[in-house]
Amino acid sequence: MLKSIAVLTSGGDSPGMNAAIRAVVRAAKAEQMEVFGIRNGYAGLIAGDMVQLNSRSVGDIIQRGGTFLGTARSEEFRTPAGQQKAAQVLREKNVEGLVVIGGDGSLRGARALSEFGFRVIGLPGTIDNDMWGTDYTIGFDTAVNNVLDAINKLRDTASAHGRVMVVEVMGRHSGWIGLTSGLAGGAELILIPEFPFTLPDVCQQLRNSRAAGKLYSIVVIAEGAGSGVEIGKEIHAHTGLDTRVSVLGHIQRGGAPTVFDRVLASNLGAAAVALLREGKSNLLVGCQNAKIVPVDINVAAGKTKPIDEELYALAGILSR
């Protein structure tokens, strides 16, 4: 039976990471395990920046966004020498199992550590919702609700002035945030990396909408599909429509996690401890069809969850 485990958060922060840490710590303490929190991700692991945690250490954090352990990207950990150094730190601390909360890069880091003989379990923590093997990632629901709140407010002023409102959201390689928030927010156009578009087509659709009697338009664009600022300029130049741009930026990452993210993170964190206790390793804990399931890291790492084409088509139908 494991006597000591550690937990870290890595990569971009996402709302619900604190809830996941809390679940890991309290589930482990219920099994009489010693728990260490590693500060600032893999960089902190290499530096040996670890603190012992107990149930009180994770009190009053479930409602907080971000991660109280901190997170950072580590170029050193990408190297074999850095990974070996991190493994040595775990050995020196007598850590027998590790829970890693983060995105795909964090998952690949966990897989690298498993090659040194450590039991590792990954939790999907990213607002992008693009990790293969899980229907939802920790933080996605909060992020899209943050975007939806902004769209609702921007719709009010767009309606009052008869404007085109271009809303740029996060999603450098994946359009899940743009698609989901755009569908929920009633956007007329959703521009995401997975579906090519041309500016002449975008402008023509907006002209057609005005001709059909629409008084204003909402255009949601993922950052990976283009610059909201530049596209806004092009729309105004080629249609003459009064156009404004809002780049939401990192506000999407912040704020208290939603009920969904808190419950998801809590379930995933507890499941990670259970898997380690059973002697399992090299797994991602995901959510599929509302069930918590283990997924082989070797299968999940490096893969991107494809966008839901039917959902994209539905958004187009409902925007008419």
C-alpha atoms as a PDB file:
ATOM      1  CA  MET A   1       0.000   0.000   0.000  1.00  0.00           C
ATOM      2  CA  LEU A   2       1.214   3.482  -0.836  1.00  0.00           C
ATOM      3  CA  LYS A   3       2.370   5.540   2.107  1.00  0.00           C
ATOM      4  CA  SER A   4       3.167   8.825   0.381  1.00  0.00           C
ATOM      5  CA  ILE A   5       1.911  10.654  -2.716  1.00  0.00           C
ATOM      6  CA  ALA A   6       2.342  14.116  -4.203  1.00  0.00           C
ATOM      7  CA  VAL A   7       0.186  16.403  -6.327  1.00  0.00           C
ATOM      8  CA  LEU A   8       1.100  19.217  -8.715  1.00  0.00           C
ATOM      9  CA  THR A   9      -0.623  21.540 -11.170  1.00  0.00           C
ATOM     10  CA  SER A  10       1.079  22.307 -14.456  1.00  0.00           C
ATOM     11  CA  GLY A  11       0.622  24.419 -17.579  1.00  0.00           C
ATOM     12  CA  GLY A  12      -2.135  27.001 -17.828  1.00  0.00           C
ATOM     13  CA  ASP A  13      -4.299  27.419 -14.736  1.00  0.00           C
ATOM     14  CA  SER A  14      -7.967  26.454 -14.884  1.00  0.00           C
ATOM     15  CA  PRO A  15     -10.850  27.013 -12.441  1.00  0.00           C
ATOM     16  CA  GLY A  16     -11.421  23.841 -10.447  1.00  0.00           C
ATOM     17  CA  MET A  17      -7.771  22.901  -9.991  1.00  0.00           C
ATOM     18  CA  ASN A  18      -8.059  23.810  -6.314  1.00  0.00           C
ATOM     19  CA  ALA A  19     -11.090  21.567  -5.957  1.00  0.00           C
ATOM     20  CA  ALA A  20      -9.110  18.718  -7.521  1.00  0.00           C
ATOM     21  CA  ILE A  21      -6.146  19.256  -5.176  1.00  0.00           C
ATOM     22  CA  ARG A  22      -8.537  19.320  -2.227  1.00  0.00           C
ATOM     23  CA  ALA A  23     -10.077  16.012  -3.305  1.00  0.00           C
ATOM     24  CA  VAL A  24      -6.686  14.370  -3.779  1.00  0.00           C
ATOM     25  CA  VAL A  25      -5.474  15.465  -0.352  1.00  0.00           C
ATOM     26  CA  ARG A  26      -8.576  14.522   1.592  1.00  0.00           C
ATOM     27  CA  ALA A  27      -9.080  11.205  -0.204  1.00  0.00           C
ATOM     28  CA  ALA A  28      -5.439  10.324   0.456  1.00  0.00           C
ATOM     29  CA  LYS A  29      -5.609  11.324   4.125  1.00  0.00           C
ATOM     30  CA  ALA A  30      -8.686   9.132   4.498  1.00  0.00           C
ATOM     31  CA  GLU A  31      -6.416   6.248   3.442  1.00  0.00           C
ATOM     32  CA  GLN A  32      -3.711   7.303   5.942  1.00  0.00           C
ATOM     33  CA  MET A  33      -1.366   8.477   3.194  1.00  0.00           C
ATOM     34  CA  GLU A  34       1.153  11.270   3.542  1.00  0.00           C
ATOM     35  CA  VAL A  35       0.561  13.985   0.921  1.00  0.00           C
ATOM     36  CA  PHE A  36       2.958  16.556  -0.523  1.00  0.00           C
ATOM     37  CA  GLY A  37       1.974  19.548  -2.616  1.00  0.00           C
ATOM     38  CA  ILE A  38       4.520  20.550  -5.251  1.00  0.00           C
ATOM     39  CA  ARG A  39       4.624  24.289  -5.913  1.00  0.00           C
ATOM     40  CA  ASN A  40       4.876  25.709  -9.440  1.00  0.00           C
ATOM     41  CA  GLY A  41       4.520  22.532 -11.444  1.00  0.00           C
ATOM     42  CA  TYR A  42       7.454  20.607 -12.848  1.00  0.00           C
ATOM     43  CA  ALA A  43       9.751  23.574 -12.277  1.00  0.00           C
ATOM     44  CA  GLY A  44       8.979  23.359  -8.565  1.00  0.00           C
ATOM     45  CA  LEU A  45       9.462  19.593  -8.622  1.00  0.00           C
ATOM     46  CA  ILE A  46      12.967  19.963 -10.047  1.00  0.00           C
ATOM     47  CA  ALA A  47      13.717  22.613  -7.406  1.00  0.00           C
ATOM     48  CA  GLY A  48      12.362  20.404  -4.627  1.00  0.00           C
ATOM     49  CA  ASP A  49       9.756  23.024  -3.706  1.00  0.00           C
ATOM     50  CA  MET A  50       7.352  20.775  -1.816  1.00  0.00           C
ATOM     51  CA  VAL A  51       5.144  21.204   1.231  1.00  0.00           C
ATOM     52  CA  GLN A  52       3.345  18.622   3.297  1.00  0.00           C
ATOM     53  CA  LEU A  53      -0.448  18.950   3.109  1.00  0.00           C
ATOM     54  CA  ASN A  54      -3.293  17.846   5.329  1.00  0.00           C
ATOM     55  CA  SER A  55      -7.055  18.294   5.344  1.00  0.00           C
ATOM     56  CA  ARG A  56      -6.786  21.755   6.878  1.00  0.00           C
ATOM     57  CA  SER A  57      -4.239  22.844   4.261  1.00  0.00           C
ATOM     58  CA  VAL A  58      -6.905  22.570   1.587  1.00  0.00           C
ATOM     59  CA  GLY A  59      -9.740  24.196   3.529  1.00  0.00           C
ATOM     60  CA  ASP A  60     -11.379  27.277   2.001  1.00  0.00           C
ATOM     61  CA  ILE A  61     -10.047  26.674  -1.524  1.00  0.00           C
ATOM     62  CA  ILE A  62     -12.832  24.795  -3.333  1.00  0.00           C
ATOM     63  CA  GLN A  63     -14.466  28.093  -4.352  1.00  0.00           C
ATOM     64  CA  ARG A  64     -11.277  29.716  -5.631  1.00  0.00           C
ATOM     65  CA  GLY A  65     -10.114  29.850  -9.225  1.00  0.00           C
ATOM     66  CA  GLY A  66      -6.497  29.313 -10.224  1.00  0.00           C
ATOM     67  CA  THR A  67      -4.341  26.973  -8.165  1.00  0.00           C
ATOM     68  CA  PHE A  68      -2.977  27.683  -4.704  1.00  0.00           C
ATOM     69  CA  LEU A  69       0.029  25.481  -5.462  1.00  0.00           C
ATOM     70  CA  GLY A  70       0.955  27.696  -8.397  1.00  0.00           C
ATOM     71  CA  THR A  71       1.837  26.590 -11.898  1.00  0.00           C
ATOM     72  CA  ALA A  72       4.685  27.248 -14.310  1.00  0.00           C
ATOM     73  CA  ARG A  73       6.128  25.954 -17.532  1.00  0.00           C
ATOM     74  CA  SER A  74       9.558  24.314 -17.326  1.00  0.00           C
ATOM     75  CA  GLU A  75      11.915  24.057 -20.281  1.00  0.00           C
ATOM     76  CA  GLU A  76      14.361  22.113 -18.121  1.00  0.00           C
ATOM     77  CA  PHE A  77      11.794  19.397 -17.448  1.00  0.00           C
ATOM     78  CA  ARG A  78      11.425  18.846 -21.192  1.00  0.00           C
ATOM     79  CA  THR A  79      14.978  17.449 -21.226  1.00  0.00           C
ATOM     80  CA  PRO A  80      15.956  13.920 -20.112  1.00  0.00           C
ATOM     81  CA  ALA A  81      18.338  15.463 -17.571  1.00  0.00           C
ATOM     82  CA  GLY A  82      15.538  17.563 -16.093  1.00  0.00           C
ATOM     83  CA  GLN A  83      13.215  14.585 -15.883  1.00  0.00           C
ATOM     84  CA  GLN A  84      15.892  12.527 -14.176  1.00  0.00           C
ATOM     85  CA  LYS A  85      16.445  15.323 -11.663  1.00  0.00           C
ATOM     86  CA  ALA A  86      12.712  15.489 -10.940  1.00  0.00           C
ATOM     87  CA  ALA A  87      12.592  11.733 -10.415  1.00  0.00           C
ATOM     88  CA  GLN A  88      15.513  11.961  -7.992  1.00  0.00           C
ATOM     89  CA  VAL A  89      13.649  14.583  -5.929  1.00  0.00           C
ATOM     90  CA  LEU A  90      10.643  12.257  -5.658  1.00  0.00           C
ATOM     91  CA  ARG A  91      12.897   9.418  -4.515  1.00  0.00           C
ATOM     92  CA  GLU A  92      14.572  11.599  -1.899  1.00  0.00           C
ATOM     93  CA  LYS A  93      11.149  12.586  -0.509  1.00  0.00           C
ATOM     94  CA  ASN A  94      10.025   8.927  -0.542  1.00  0.00           C
ATOM     95  CA  VAL A  95       7.081   9.834  -2.781  1.00  0.00           C
ATOM     96  CA  GLU A  96       5.571   6.677  -4.247  1.00  0.00           C
ATOM     97  CA  GLY A  97       2.765   8.112  -6.382  1.00  0.00           C
ATOM     98  CA  LEU A  98       2.128  11.374  -8.214  1.00  0.00           C
ATOM     99  CA  VAL A  99      -1.067  13.101  -9.356  1.00  0.00           C
ATOM    100  CA  VAL A 100      -0.565  15.622 -12.158  1.00  0.00           C
ATOM    101  CA  ILE A 101      -3.331  18.115 -12.959  1.00  0.00           C
ATOM    102  CA  GLY A 102      -2.972  19.895 -16.291  1.00  0.00           C
ATOM    103  CA  GLY A 103      -3.253  19.720 -20.061  1.00  0.00           C
ATOM    104  CA  ASP A 104      -1.646  17.529 -22.682  1.00  0.00           C
ATOM    105  CA  GLY A 105       1.892  18.751 -22.030  1.00  0.00           C
ATOM    106  CA  SER A 106       1.461  17.992 -18.337  1.00  0.00           C
ATOM    107  CA  LEU A 107       0.187  14.535 -19.247  1.00  0.00           C
ATOM    108  CA  ARG A 108       3.262  13.836 -21.346  1.00  0.00           C
ATOM    109  CA  GLY A 109       5.399  14.963 -18.410  1.00  0.00           C
ATOM    110  CA  ALA A 110       3.621  12.478 -16.166  1.00  0.00           C
ATOM    111  CA  ARG A 111       4.245   9.730 -18.687  1.00  0.00           C
ATOM    112  CA  ALA A 112       7.955  10.611 -18.723  1.00  0.00           C
ATOM    113  CA  LEU A 113       8.144  10.276 -14.935  1.00  0.00           C
ATOM    114  CA  SER A 114       6.426   6.898 -15.064  1.00  0.00           C
ATOM    115  CA  GLU A 115       9.394   5.626 -17.068  1.00  0.00           C
ATOM    116  CA  PHE A 116      11.507   6.143 -13.942  1.00  0.00           C
ATOM    117  CA  GLY A 117       9.300   3.700 -12.040  1.00  0.00           C
ATOM    118  CA  PHE A 118       6.837   6.088 -10.405  1.00  0.00           C
ATOM    119  CA  ARG A 119       3.108   5.538 -10.301  1.00  0.00           C
ATOM    120  CA  VAL A 120       1.477   8.518 -12.005  1.00  0.00           C
ATOM    121  CA  ILE A 121      -2.135   9.505 -12.593  1.00  0.00           C
ATOM    122  CA  GLY A 122      -3.150  12.499 -14.711  1.00  0.00           C
ATOM    123  CA  LEU A 123      -6.195  14.707 -14.330  1.00  0.00           C
ATOM    124  CA  PRO A 124      -7.426  16.808 -17.299  1.00  0.00           C
ATOM    125  CA  GLY A 125      -7.076  20.422 -16.184  1.00  0.00           C
ATOM    126  CA  THR A 126      -7.430  22.907 -19.043  1.00  0.00           C
ATOM    127  CA  ILE A 127     -10.061  25.416 -20.099  1.00  0.00           C
ATOM    128  CA  ASP A 128      -9.664  24.357 -23.754  1.00  0.00           C
ATOM    129  CA  ASN A 129     -11.541  21.034 -23.357  1.00  0.00           C
ATOM    130  CA  ASP A 130      -9.317  19.555 -26.044  1.00  0.00           C
ATOM    131  CA  MET A 131      -7.860  16.530 -24.226  1.00  0.00           C
ATOM    132  CA  TRP A 132      -8.482  13.165 -25.788  1.00  0.00           C
ATOM    133  CA  GLY A 133     -10.251  10.586 -23.614  1.00  0.00           C
ATOM    134  CA  THR A 134     -12.586  12.861 -21.649  1.00  0.00           C
ATOM    135  CA  ASP A 135     -15.819  14.637 -22.527  1.00  0.00           C
ATOM    136  CA  TYR A 136     -15.011  17.534 -20.203  1.00  0.00           C
ATOM    137  CA  THR A 137     -11.856  19.003 -18.729  1.00  0.00           C
ATOM    138  CA  ILE A 138     -11.583  20.804 -15.396  1.00  0.00           C
ATOM    139  CA  GLY A 139     -12.168  24.519 -15.951  1.00  0.00           C
ATOM    140  CA  PHE A 140     -13.914  24.395 -19.326  1.00  0.00           C
ATOM    141  CA  ASP A 141     -17.412  24.912 -17.963  1.00  0.00           C
ATOM    142  CA  THR A 142     -16.325  27.920 -15.915  1.00  0.00           C
ATOM    143  CA  ALA A 143     -14.473  29.435 -18.871  1.00  0.00           C
ATOM    144  CA  VAL A 144     -17.406  29.159 -21.276  1.00  0.00           C
ATOM    145  CA  ASN A 145     -19.730  30.615 -18.648  1.00  0.00           C
ATOM    146  CA  ASN A 146     -17.316  33.546 -18.260  1.00  0.00           C
ATOM    147  CA  VAL A 147     -17.449  34.047 -22.031  1.00  0.00           C
ATOM    148  CA  LEU A 148     -21.217  33.704 -22.092  1.00  0.00           C
ATOM    149  CA  ASP A 149     -21.552  36.389 -19.422  1.00  0.00           C
ATOM    150  CA  ALA A 150     -19.468  38.729 -21.577  1.00  0.00           C
ATOM    151  CA  ILE A 151     -21.492  37.923 -24.706  1.00  0.00           C
ATOM    152  CA  ASN A 152     -24.743  38.654 -22.862  1.00  0.00           C
ATOM    153  CA  LYS A 153     -23.446  42.074 -21.848  1.00  0.00           C
ATOM    154  CA  LEU A 154     -21.991  42.854 -25.262  1.00  0.00           C
ATOM    155  CA  ARG A 155     -25.291  41.878 -26.873  1.00  0.00           C
ATOM    156  CA  ASP A 156     -27.032  44.665 -24.943  1.00  0.00           C
ATOM    157  CA  THR A 157     -24.785  47.380 -26.325  1.00  0.00           C
ATOM    158  CA  ALA A 158     -24.672  45.812 -29.811  1.00  0.00           C
ATOM    159  CA  SER A 159     -28.462  45.865 -29.896  1.00  0.00           C
ATOM    160  CA  ALA A 160     -28.677  49.449 -28.668  1.00  0.00           C
ATOM    161  CA  HIS A 161     -26.326  50.750 -31.378  1.00  0.00           C
ATOM    162  CA  GLY A 162     -27.066  48.308 -34.197  1.00  0.00           C
ATOM    163  CA  ARG A 163     -23.470  47.110 -34.277  1.00  0.00           C
ATOM    164  CA  VAL A 164     -21.467  44.085 -35.251  1.00  0.00           C
ATOM    165  CA  MET A 165     -19.728  42.888 -32.104  1.00  0.00           C
ATOM    166  CA  VAL A 166     -16.649  40.703 -32.639  1.00  0.00           C
ATOM    167  CA  VAL A 167     -15.684  38.704 -29.541  1.00  0.00           C
ATOM    168  CA  GLU A 168     -12.266  37.043 -29.516  1.00  0.00           C
ATOM    169  CA  VAL A 169     -11.974  34.090 -27.139  1.00  0.00           C
ATOM    170  CA  MET A 170      -9.179  31.702 -26.212  1.00  0.00           C
ATOM    171  CA  GLY A 171      -8.484  28.616 -28.280  1.00  0.00           C
ATOM    172  CA  ARG A 172      -5.160  28.668 -30.103  1.00  0.00           C
ATOM    173  CA  HIS A 173      -5.473  25.145 -31.477  1.00  0.00           C
ATOM    174  CA  SER A 174      -8.993  24.148 -30.489  1.00  0.00           C
ATOM    175  CA  GLY A 175     -12.371  25.782 -30.976  1.00  0.00           C
ATOM    176  CA  TRP A 176     -14.310  24.225 -28.111  1.00  0.00           C
ATOM    177  CA  ILE A 177     -14.597  27.484 -26.137  1.00  0.00           C
ATOM    178  CA  GLY A 178     -15.669  29.448 -29.196  1.00  0.00           C
ATOM    179  CA  LEU A 179     -18.156  26.851 -30.395  1.00  0.00           C
ATOM    180  CA  THR A 180     -19.810  26.212 -27.045  1.00  0.00           C
ATOM    181  CA  SER A 181     -20.025  29.833 -25.904  1.00  0.00           C
ATOM    182  CA  GLY A 182     -21.073  30.990 -29.369  1.00  0.00           C
ATOM    183  CA  LEU A 183     -23.873  28.441 -29.544  1.00  0.00           C
ATOM    184  CA  ALA A 184     -25.075  29.284 -26.033  1.00  0.00           C
ATOM    185  CA  GLY A 185     -24.763  33.019 -26.697  1.00  0.00           C
ATOM    186  CA  GLY A 186     -26.656  32.976 -29.965  1.00  0.00           C
ATOM    187  CA  ALA A 187     -23.701  34.162 -32.062  1.00  0.00           C
ATOM    188  CA  GLU A 188     -24.434  34.693 -35.717  1.00  0.00           C
ATOM    189  CA  LEU A 189     -20.987  33.530 -36.786  1.00  0.00           C
ATOM    190  CA  ILE A 190     -18.523  31.231 -34.988  1.00  0.00           C
ATOM    191  CA  LEU A 191     -15.010  31.204 -36.414  1.00  0.00           C
ATOM    192  CA  ILE A 192     -12.759  28.436 -35.094  1.00  0.00           C
ATOM    193  CA  PRO A 193      -9.496  26.821 -36.294  1.00  0.00           C
ATOM    194  CA  GLU A 194     -11.137  23.549 -37.303  1.00  0.00           C
ATOM    195  CA  PHE A 195     -13.329  25.094 -40.014  1.00  0.00           C
ATOM    196  CA  PRO A 196     -11.728  27.319 -42.667  1.00  0.00           C
ATOM    197  CA  PHE A 197     -13.486  30.545 -43.633  1.00  0.00           C
ATOM    198  CA  THR A 198     -12.867  33.527 -45.876  1.00  0.00           C
ATOM    199  CA  LEU A 199     -13.401  37.171 -44.974  1.00  0.00           C
ATOM    200  CA  PRO A 200     -15.502  37.813 -48.087  1.00  0.00           C
ATOM    201  CA  ASP A 201     -17.879  35.048 -46.976  1.00  0.00           C
ATOM    202  CA  VAL A 202     -18.034  36.466 -43.432  1.00  0.00           C
ATOM    203  CA  CYS A 203     -18.806  39.942 -44.740  1.00  0.00           C
ATOM    204  CA  GLN A 204     -21.438  38.645 -47.135  1.00  0.00           C
ATOM    205  CA  GLN A 205     -23.207  36.732 -44.371  1.00  0.00           C
ATOM    206  CA  LEU A 206     -23.336  39.890 -42.276  1.00  0.00           C
ATOM    207  CA  ARG A 207     -24.714  41.887 -45.221  1.00  0.00           C
ATOM    208  CA  ASN A 208     -27.335  39.210 -45.806  1.00  0.00           C
ATOM    209  CA  SER A 209     -28.345  39.350 -42.158  1.00  0.00           C
ATOM    210  CA  ARG A 210     -28.887  43.100 -42.290  1.00  0.00           C
ATOM    211  CA  ALA A 211     -30.872  42.743 -45.497  1.00  0.00           C
ATOM    212  CA  ALA A 212     -33.022  40.112 -43.769  1.00  0.00           C
ATOM    213  CA  GLY A 213     -33.834  42.545 -40.961  1.00  0.00           C
ATOM    214  CA  LYS A 214     -31.288  41.673 -38.265  1.00  0.00           C
ATOM    215  CA  LEU A 215     -30.357  44.853 -36.431  1.00  0.00           C
ATOM    216  CA  TYR A 216     -27.062  43.660 -34.915  1.00  0.00           C
ATOM    217  CA  SER A 217     -24.695  40.686 -35.022  1.00  0.00           C
ATOM    218  CA  ILE A 218     -22.412  38.773 -32.657  1.00  0.00           C
ATOM    219  CA  VAL A 219     -19.305  37.168 -34.163  1.00  0.00           C
ATOM    220  CA  VAL A 220     -17.277  34.824 -31.927  1.00  0.00           C
ATOM    221  CA  ILE A 221     -13.750  34.027 -33.060  1.00  0.00           C
ATOM    222  CA  ALA A 222     -11.203  31.735 -31.419  1.00  0.00           C
ATOM    223  CA  GLU A 223      -7.718  33.251 -31.270  1.00  0.00           C
ATOM    224  CA  GLY A 224      -6.357  30.371 -33.336  1.00  0.00           C
ATOM    225  CA  ALA A 225      -8.666  31.255 -36.220  1.00  0.00           C
ATOM    226  CA  GLY A 226      -7.421  34.826 -36.530  1.00  0.00           C
ATOM    227  CA  SER A 227      -7.165  38.199 -34.829  1.00  0.00           C
ATOM    228  CA  GLY A 228     -10.461  39.625 -33.676  1.00  0.00           C
ATOM    229  CA  VAL A 229      -9.069  43.142 -34.060  1.00  0.00           C
ATOM    230  CA  GLU A 230      -7.984  42.610 -37.658  1.00  0.00           C
ATOM    231  CA  ILE A 231     -11.177  40.821 -38.633  1.00  0.00           C
ATOM    232  CA  GLY A 232     -13.216  43.606 -37.049  1.00  0.00           C
ATOM    233  CA  LYS A 233     -11.349  46.148 -39.168  1.00  0.00           C
ATOM    234  CA  GLU A 234     -11.988  44.113 -42.317  1.00  0.00           C
ATOM    235  CA  ILE A 235     -15.685  43.757 -41.560  1.00  0.00           C
ATOM    236  CA  HIS A 236     -16.065  47.494 -41.139  1.00  0.00           C
ATOM    237  CA  ALA A 237     -13.985  48.273 -44.236  1.00  0.00           C
ATOM    238  CA  HIS A 238     -15.901  45.916 -46.529  1.00  0.00           C
ATOM    239  CA  THR A 239     -19.451  46.255 -45.183  1.00  0.00           C
ATOM    240  CA  GLY A 240     -19.561  49.736 -43.727  1.00  0.00           C
ATOM    241  CA  LEU A 241     -21.253  48.270 -40.644  1.00  0.00           C
ATOM    242  CA  ASP A 242     -20.439  49.839 -37.278  1.00  0.00           C
ATOM    243  CA  THR A 243     -18.132  47.230 -35.757  1.00  0.00           C
ATOM    244  CA  ARG A 244     -16.588  46.871 -32.311  1.00  0.00           C
ATOM    245  CA  VAL A 245     -14.127  44.276 -31.006  1.00  0.00           C
ATOM    246  CA  SER A 246     -13.725  42.780 -27.529  1.00  0.00           C
ATOM    247  CA  VAL A 247     -10.710  40.569 -26.834  1.00  0.00           C
ATOM    248  CA  LEU A 248     -11.618  38.736 -23.635  1.00  0.00           C
ATOM    249  CA  GLY A 249      -8.139  37.401 -22.893  1.00  0.00           C
ATOM    250  CA  HIS A 250      -7.268  35.912 -19.506  1.00  0.00           C
ATOM    251  CA  ILE A 251     -10.515  36.967 -17.861  1.00  0.00           C
ATOM    252  CA  GLN A 252     -11.816  33.668 -19.227  1.00  0.00           C
ATOM    253  CA  ARG A 253      -9.518  31.744 -16.862  1.00  0.00           C
ATOM    254  CA  GLY A 254     -10.501  33.499 -13.650  1.00  0.00           C
ATOM    255  CA  GLY A 255     -13.306  33.476 -11.139  1.00  0.00           C
ATOM    256  CA  ALA A 256     -14.966  30.936  -8.897  1.00  0.00           C
ATOM    257  CA  PRO A 257     -15.436  27.548 -10.572  1.00  0.00           C
ATOM    258  CA  THR A 258     -18.966  26.510 -11.465  1.00  0.00           C
ATOM    259  CA  VAL A 259     -20.830  23.726  -9.700  1.00  0.00           C
ATOM    260  CA  PHE A 260     -20.069  21.442 -12.638  1.00  0.00           C
ATOM    261  CA  ASP A 261     -16.312  22.066 -12.446  1.00  0.00           C
ATOM    262  CA  ARG A 262     -16.213  21.649  -8.666  1.00  0.00           C
ATOM    263  CA  VAL A 263     -18.048  18.326  -8.783  1.00  0.00           C
ATOM    264  CA  LEU A 264     -16.055  17.080 -11.777  1.00  0.00           C
ATOM    265  CA  ALA A 265     -12.741  18.011 -10.147  1.00  0.00           C
ATOM    266  CA  SER A 266     -13.753  16.406  -6.858  1.00  0.00           C
ATOM    267  CA  ASN A 267     -14.730  13.139  -8.544  1.00  0.00           C
ATOM    268  CA  LEU A 268     -11.591  13.021 -10.664  1.00  0.00           C
ATOM    269  CA  GLY A 269      -9.306  13.803  -7.719  1.00  0.00           C
ATOM    270  CA  ALA A 270     -10.797  11.091  -5.523  1.00  0.00           C
ATOM    271  CA  ALA A 271     -10.656   8.589  -8.402  1.00  0.00           C
ATOM    272  CA  ALA A 272      -6.946   9.343  -8.920  1.00  0.00           C
ATOM    273  CA  VAL A 273      -6.180   8.400  -5.313  1.00  0.00           C
ATOM    274  CA  ALA A 274      -8.254   5.232  -5.602  1.00  0.00           C
ATOM    275  CA  LEU A 275      -6.327   4.166  -8.705  1.00  0.00           C
ATOM    276  CA  LEU A 276      -2.969   4.775  -7.012  1.00  0.00           C
ATOM    277  CA  ARG A 277      -4.135   2.804  -3.985  1.00  0.00           C
ATOM    278  CA  GLU A 278      -5.022  -0.097  -6.297  1.00  0.00           C
ATOM    279  CA  GLY A 279      -1.507  -0.061  -7.723  1.00  0.00           C
ATOM    280  CA  LYS A 280      -2.555   1.457 -11.056  1.00  0.00           C
ATOM    281  CA  SER A 281      -0.369   3.873 -12.987  1.00  0.00           C
ATOM    282  CA  ASN A 282       0.092   5.653 -16.298  1.00  0.00           C
ATOM    283  CA  LEU A 283      -3.576   6.616 -16.504  1.00  0.00           C
ATOM    284  CA  LEU A 284      -5.602   9.713 -17.236  1.00  0.00           C
ATOM    285  CA  VAL A 285      -8.830   9.957 -15.246  1.00  0.00           C
ATOM    286  CA  GLY A 286     -11.522  11.192 -17.595  1.00  0.00           C
ATOM    287  CA  CYS A 287     -15.271  11.652 -17.788  1.00  0.00           C
ATOM    288  CA  GLN A 288     -17.108   9.782 -20.538  1.00  0.00           C
ATOM    289  CA  ASN A 289     -20.883   9.651 -20.806  1.00  0.00           C
ATOM    290  CA  ALA A 290     -21.165  11.046 -17.256  1.00  0.00           C
ATOM    291  CA  LYS A 291     -18.970   8.233 -15.869  1.00  0.00           C
ATOM    292  CA  ILE A 292     -15.478   8.543 -14.385  1.00  0.00           C
ATOM    293  CA  VAL A 293     -13.164   6.289 -16.398  1.00  0.00           C
ATOM    294  CA  PRO A 294      -9.414   5.559 -16.541  1.00  0.00           C
ATOM    295  CA  VAL A 295      -7.701   6.065 -19.907  1.00  0.00           C
ATOM    296  CA  ASP A 296      -4.230   4.835 -20.863  1.00  0.00           C
ATOM    297  CA  ILE A 297      -1.875   7.844 -20.915  1.00  0.00           C
ATOM    298  CA  ASN A 298       0.018   6.279 -23.823  1.00  0.00           C
ATOM    299  CA  VAL A 299      -3.201   6.415 -25.840  1.00  0.00           C
ATOM    300  CA  ALA A 300      -4.351   9.866 -24.708  1.00  0.00           C
ATOM    301  CA  ALA A 301      -1.095  11.854 -24.671  1.00  0.00           C
ATOM    302  CA  GLY A 302      -0.396  13.852 -27.784  1.00  0.00           C
ATOM    303  CA  LYS A 303      -3.924  13.493 -29.159  1.00  0.00           C
ATOM    304  CA  THR A 304      -6.413  16.338 -29.506  1.00  0.00           C
ATOM    305  CA  LYS A 305     -10.115  15.750 -29.046  1.00  0.00           C
ATOM    306  CA  PRO A 306     -11.829  16.646 -32.340  1.00  0.00           C
ATOM    307  CA  ILE A 307     -14.504  19.304 -32.437  1.00  0.00           C
ATOM    308  CA  ASP A 308     -18.122  18.157 -32.508  1.00  0.00           C
ATOM    309  CA  GLU A 309     -19.125  18.747 -36.149  1.00  0.00           C
ATOM    310  CA  GLU A 310     -22.807  18.176 -35.445  1.00  0.00           C
ATOM    311  CA  LEU A 311     -22.740  20.841 -32.740  1.00  0.00           C
ATOM    312  CA  TYR A 312     -21.048  23.232 -35.156  1.00  0.00           C
ATOM    313  CA  ALA A 313     -23.713  22.561 -37.774  1.00  0.00           C
ATOM    314  CA  LEU A 314     -26.449  23.116 -35.196  1.00  0.00           C
ATOM    315  CA  ALA A 315     -24.947  26.486 -34.252  1.00  0.00           C
ATOM    316  CA  GLY A 316     -25.131  27.506 -37.900  1.00  0.00           C
ATOM    317  CA  ILE A 317     -28.763  26.457 -38.231  1.00  0.00           C
ATOM    318  CA  LEU A 318     -29.862  28.219 -35.059  1.00  0.00           C
ATOM    319  CA  SER A 319     -28.107  31.480 -35.964  1.00  0.00           C
ATOM    320  CA  ARG A 320     -30.267  32.111 -39.026  1.00  0.00           C
END
